């Protein structure tokens, strides 16, 4: 569970002071899935445990009051959930990744009254949202090059936007007349996402592959025990 704050990834499962000393890098695993190296991972076996972890991390997220929002998010929130299920009948394993991303809203400093640190935060938020807009446009137009690497936000969202994924975007807009410009901008932003076509496939491993992996793990653990004895 991470936040992208002022273009810096911060682990929300540790205290803010500890997060400042941690270095988190964006990598890809053997399956091609993006992950944050250096971030703390937690295991949850029920919806209740998962929600408790969400509350734990949310307490460390950067928020502040502005003229438009008393609890304005000053960062993007990224929650990556790795899922694995085993078919008890045939032993096959289905695995996947669920990314939940809460984007900080695009801001106009003249309306929010942002100054000093808040102005810096707003500029960082708008910069990353602009980079995400460029990626969405490239995917919608089926361009050969998609500029994922232009921002950490788009790097983290890479395997959720294009290719083997199903993507849902939920838009929060205001019914107020004074926010008409922001509402129109948000709707245009979302309409581009609608034009993206993905081809999701099930990620499965056969019973034989799962058994071989278990054998390898047992051999590795046995080797580790032998090395400790030596």
Protein backbone atom coordinates (compact mmCIF):
# COMPACT_ATOMS: atom_id res chain seq x y z
CA UNK A 1 0.00 0.00 0.00
CA UNK A 2 1.71 3.15 -1.27
CA UNK A 3 1.15 6.81 -1.83
CA UNK A 4 2.79 8.93 -4.50
CA UNK A 5 3.49 12.19 -2.70
CA UNK A 6 5.46 14.97 -4.40
CA UNK A 7 6.71 12.45 -6.98
CA UNK A 8 8.03 10.17 -4.22
CA UNK A 9 6.71 6.71 -3.39
CA UNK A 10 6.06 6.21 0.31
CA UNK A 11 5.14 3.00 2.14
CA UNK A 12 1.91 3.49 4.09
CA UNK A 13 2.45 0.41 6.25
CA UNK A 14 5.22 2.15 8.19
CA UNK A 15 5.30 5.43 10.10
CA UNK A 16 5.84 8.65 8.11
CA UNK A 17 9.31 8.98 9.66
CA UNK A 18 10.27 5.44 8.59
CA UNK A 19 8.79 6.00 5.12
CA UNK A 20 11.17 8.89 4.49
CA UNK A 21 14.18 6.62 4.97
CA UNK A 22 12.88 3.81 2.72
CA UNK A 23 13.81 3.62 -0.94
CA UNK A 24 11.13 2.11 -3.14
CA UNK A 25 11.85 1.19 -6.75
CA UNK A 26 9.42 0.09 -9.46
CA UNK A 27 10.30 -3.33 -10.94
CA UNK A 28 8.71 -6.17 -12.92
CA UNK A 29 8.51 -9.80 -11.79
CA UNK A 30 8.92 -12.93 -13.93
CA UNK A 31 5.26 -12.78 -14.95
CA UNK A 32 5.69 -9.20 -16.16
CA UNK A 33 3.66 -7.75 -13.31
CA UNK A 34 4.77 -4.43 -11.86
CA UNK A 35 5.72 -4.36 -8.18
CA UNK A 36 7.28 -1.90 -5.74
CA UNK A 37 10.60 -3.24 -4.51
CA UNK A 38 11.26 -2.24 -0.91
CA UNK A 39 7.60 -1.81 0.04
CA UNK A 40 6.24 -3.82 2.94
CA UNK A 41 3.75 -6.58 2.06
CA UNK A 42 1.01 -7.81 4.39
CA UNK A 43 -0.99 -11.04 4.22
CA UNK A 44 -4.76 -11.06 4.59
CA UNK A 45 -6.95 -14.16 4.67
CA UNK A 46 -10.35 -12.46 5.02
CA UNK A 47 -12.20 -9.31 4.02
CA UNK A 48 -12.01 -8.10 7.62
CA UNK A 49 -8.22 -8.42 7.72
CA UNK A 50 -7.95 -6.66 4.38
CA UNK A 51 -10.09 -3.74 5.55
CA UNK A 52 -8.05 -3.45 8.76
CA UNK A 53 -4.89 -3.13 6.66
CA UNK A 54 -6.59 -0.48 4.54
CA UNK A 55 -7.42 1.56 7.64
CA UNK A 56 -3.88 1.14 8.95
CA UNK A 57 -2.34 2.48 5.75
CA UNK A 58 -4.93 5.23 5.21
CA UNK A 59 -4.05 6.75 8.58
CA UNK A 60 -0.57 7.57 7.23
CA UNK A 61 -1.74 9.21 3.99
CA UNK A 62 -1.10 12.92 3.39
CA UNK A 63 -4.29 15.02 3.58
CA UNK A 64 -4.88 18.73 4.17
CA UNK A 65 -7.71 21.26 4.18
CA UNK A 66 -8.20 23.56 1.18
CA UNK A 67 -10.89 26.08 0.27
CA UNK A 68 -12.68 23.38 -1.74
CA UNK A 69 -12.17 20.30 0.44
CA UNK A 70 -11.70 20.02 4.20
CA UNK A 71 -9.90 16.67 3.77
CA UNK A 72 -8.15 17.01 0.43
CA UNK A 73 -5.92 14.12 -0.63
CA UNK A 74 -2.41 15.43 -1.24
CA UNK A 75 -1.22 12.21 -2.86
CA UNK A 76 -2.26 9.34 -5.10
CA UNK A 77 -3.07 6.10 -3.26
CA UNK A 78 -2.04 2.76 -4.79
CA UNK A 79 -3.12 -0.55 -3.25
CA UNK A 80 -1.85 -3.72 -4.96
CA UNK A 81 -3.51 -6.98 -3.92
CA UNK A 82 -2.01 -10.27 -5.13
CA UNK A 83 -4.68 -12.98 -5.33
CA UNK A 84 -4.20 -16.74 -5.55
CA UNK A 85 -6.82 -19.49 -5.55
CA UNK A 86 -6.42 -23.25 -5.82
CA UNK A 87 -8.93 -25.58 -7.49
CA UNK A 88 -9.34 -28.41 -4.98
CA UNK A 89 -10.65 -30.75 -7.69
CA UNK A 90 -7.75 -30.60 -10.16
CA UNK A 91 -5.03 -28.76 -8.21
CA UNK A 92 -4.69 -25.92 -10.71
CA UNK A 93 -3.88 -22.44 -9.42
CA UNK A 94 -5.38 -19.19 -10.65
CA UNK A 95 -3.55 -16.03 -9.73
CA UNK A 96 -4.02 -12.36 -10.41
CA UNK A 97 -3.39 -8.83 -9.28
CA UNK A 98 -5.95 -6.22 -8.25
CA UNK A 99 -4.83 -2.60 -8.30
CA UNK A 100 -6.98 -0.08 -6.43
CA UNK A 101 -5.93 3.48 -7.20
CA UNK A 102 -7.42 6.59 -5.61
CA UNK A 103 -6.25 9.55 -7.68
CA UNK A 104 -5.89 12.93 -6.05
CA UNK A 105 -8.10 15.46 -7.82
CA UNK A 106 -6.73 17.89 -10.38
CA UNK A 107 -6.44 21.29 -8.73
CA UNK A 108 -6.56 24.93 -9.71
CA UNK A 109 -4.56 26.85 -7.08
CA UNK A 110 -6.68 29.97 -7.62
CA UNK A 111 -9.73 28.05 -6.37
CA UNK A 112 -8.13 25.93 -3.66
CA UNK A 113 -6.02 28.73 -2.24
CA UNK A 114 -2.93 26.51 -2.36
CA UNK A 115 0.30 28.20 -1.28
CA UNK A 116 3.83 27.12 -0.38
CA UNK A 117 3.85 23.35 0.36
CA UNK A 118 0.27 22.89 -0.86
CA UNK A 119 1.14 24.60 -4.14
CA UNK A 120 4.08 22.23 -4.58
CA UNK A 121 1.76 19.28 -3.87
CA UNK A 122 -0.80 20.57 -6.38
CA UNK A 123 1.83 20.93 -9.10
CA UNK A 124 3.04 17.38 -8.48
CA UNK A 125 -0.54 16.04 -8.57
CA UNK A 126 -1.34 17.85 -11.83
CA UNK A 127 1.93 16.70 -13.41
CA UNK A 128 1.22 13.03 -12.72
CA UNK A 129 -2.41 13.33 -13.87
CA UNK A 130 -1.17 14.90 -17.09
CA UNK A 131 1.22 11.97 -17.60
CA UNK A 132 -1.66 9.55 -17.00
CA UNK A 133 -3.72 11.45 -19.56
CA UNK A 134 -0.91 11.03 -22.11
CA UNK A 135 -0.83 7.27 -21.49
CA UNK A 136 -4.62 6.99 -21.79
CA UNK A 137 -4.57 8.92 -25.08
CA UNK A 138 -1.79 6.72 -26.48
CA UNK A 139 -3.68 3.54 -25.55
CA UNK A 140 -6.98 4.83 -26.91
CA UNK A 141 -5.30 5.73 -30.22
CA UNK A 142 -3.43 2.37 -30.24
CA UNK A 143 -0.07 4.07 -30.63
CA UNK A 144 3.04 1.90 -30.85
CA UNK A 145 4.76 3.77 -28.02
CA UNK A 146 2.95 4.31 -24.73
CA UNK A 147 4.82 6.71 -22.38
CA UNK A 148 4.44 4.71 -19.16
CA UNK A 149 7.90 5.66 -17.93
CA UNK A 150 7.20 9.40 -17.92
CA UNK A 151 5.86 9.23 -14.36
CA UNK A 152 5.90 6.86 -11.39
CA UNK A 153 2.10 6.83 -11.32
CA UNK A 154 1.83 5.50 -14.87
CA UNK A 155 4.63 2.99 -14.25
CA UNK A 156 2.72 1.52 -11.30
CA UNK A 157 -0.54 1.45 -13.27
CA UNK A 158 1.02 -0.05 -16.40
CA UNK A 159 -0.34 -3.59 -16.07
CA UNK A 160 -3.78 -2.26 -15.12
CA UNK A 161 -4.25 0.01 -18.12
CA UNK A 162 -3.11 -1.89 -21.20
CA UNK A 163 -3.01 -5.52 -22.29
CA UNK A 164 -4.01 -8.36 -19.97
CA UNK A 165 -6.32 -6.43 -17.67
CA UNK A 166 -9.86 -5.32 -16.95
CA UNK A 167 -10.04 -1.66 -16.00
CA UNK A 168 -12.81 0.24 -14.24
CA UNK A 169 -12.73 3.99 -13.66
CA UNK A 170 -15.09 5.63 -11.19
CA UNK A 171 -15.47 9.37 -11.56
CA UNK A 172 -16.25 11.78 -8.73
CA UNK A 173 -17.79 15.01 -9.97
CA UNK A 174 -19.53 17.96 -8.35
CA UNK A 175 -23.14 19.01 -9.07
CA UNK A 176 -22.24 22.62 -8.27
CA UNK A 177 -22.28 25.24 -11.05
CA UNK A 178 -19.06 26.79 -9.77
CA UNK A 179 -17.24 23.51 -10.50
CA UNK A 180 -18.53 23.16 -14.06
CA UNK A 181 -15.08 23.49 -15.65
CA UNK A 182 -13.61 20.77 -13.41
CA UNK A 183 -16.59 18.51 -14.07
CA UNK A 184 -16.26 18.85 -17.85
CA UNK A 185 -12.51 18.22 -17.69
CA UNK A 186 -13.06 15.08 -15.61
CA UNK A 187 -15.74 13.75 -17.98
CA UNK A 188 -13.51 14.30 -21.01
CA UNK A 189 -10.68 12.56 -19.16
CA UNK A 190 -12.89 9.54 -18.44
CA UNK A 191 -14.30 9.39 -21.97
CA UNK A 192 -10.80 8.69 -23.29
CA UNK A 193 -10.49 5.71 -20.94
CA UNK A 194 -13.67 4.28 -22.47
CA UNK A 195 -11.90 4.07 -25.84
CA UNK A 196 -9.19 1.71 -24.54
CA UNK A 197 -9.54 -1.94 -25.56
CA UNK A 198 -7.90 -4.62 -23.41
CA UNK A 199 -7.71 -8.39 -23.84
CA UNK A 200 -7.85 -10.02 -20.41
CA UNK A 201 -6.87 -13.68 -20.04
CA UNK A 202 -6.92 -15.99 -17.04
CA UNK A 203 -3.56 -16.52 -15.38
CA UNK A 204 -3.45 -20.22 -14.51
CA UNK A 205 -0.90 -22.85 -13.58
CA UNK A 206 -1.51 -26.57 -14.04
CA UNK A 207 -1.45 -29.02 -11.15
CA UNK A 208 1.92 -30.35 -12.35
CA UNK A 209 3.55 -26.90 -12.36
CA UNK A 210 2.16 -26.15 -8.91
CA UNK A 211 3.57 -29.45 -7.59
CA UNK A 212 7.00 -28.75 -9.10
CA UNK A 213 7.07 -25.32 -7.46
CA UNK A 214 6.23 -26.89 -4.10
CA UNK A 215 9.08 -29.40 -4.54
CA UNK A 216 11.51 -26.57 -5.35
CA UNK A 217 10.40 -24.65 -2.26
CA UNK A 218 10.88 -27.74 -0.06
CA UNK A 219 14.34 -28.34 -1.53
CA UNK A 220 15.31 -24.71 -0.97
CA UNK A 221 14.08 -24.76 2.64
CA UNK A 222 15.94 -28.03 3.24
CA UNK A 223 19.12 -26.55 1.81
CA UNK A 224 18.74 -23.51 4.06
CA UNK A 225 18.41 -25.76 7.13
CA UNK A 226 21.53 -27.72 6.14
CA UNK A 227 23.50 -24.50 5.69
CA UNK A 228 22.41 -23.33 9.16
CA UNK A 229 23.55 -26.66 10.67
CA UNK A 230 26.94 -26.29 9.01
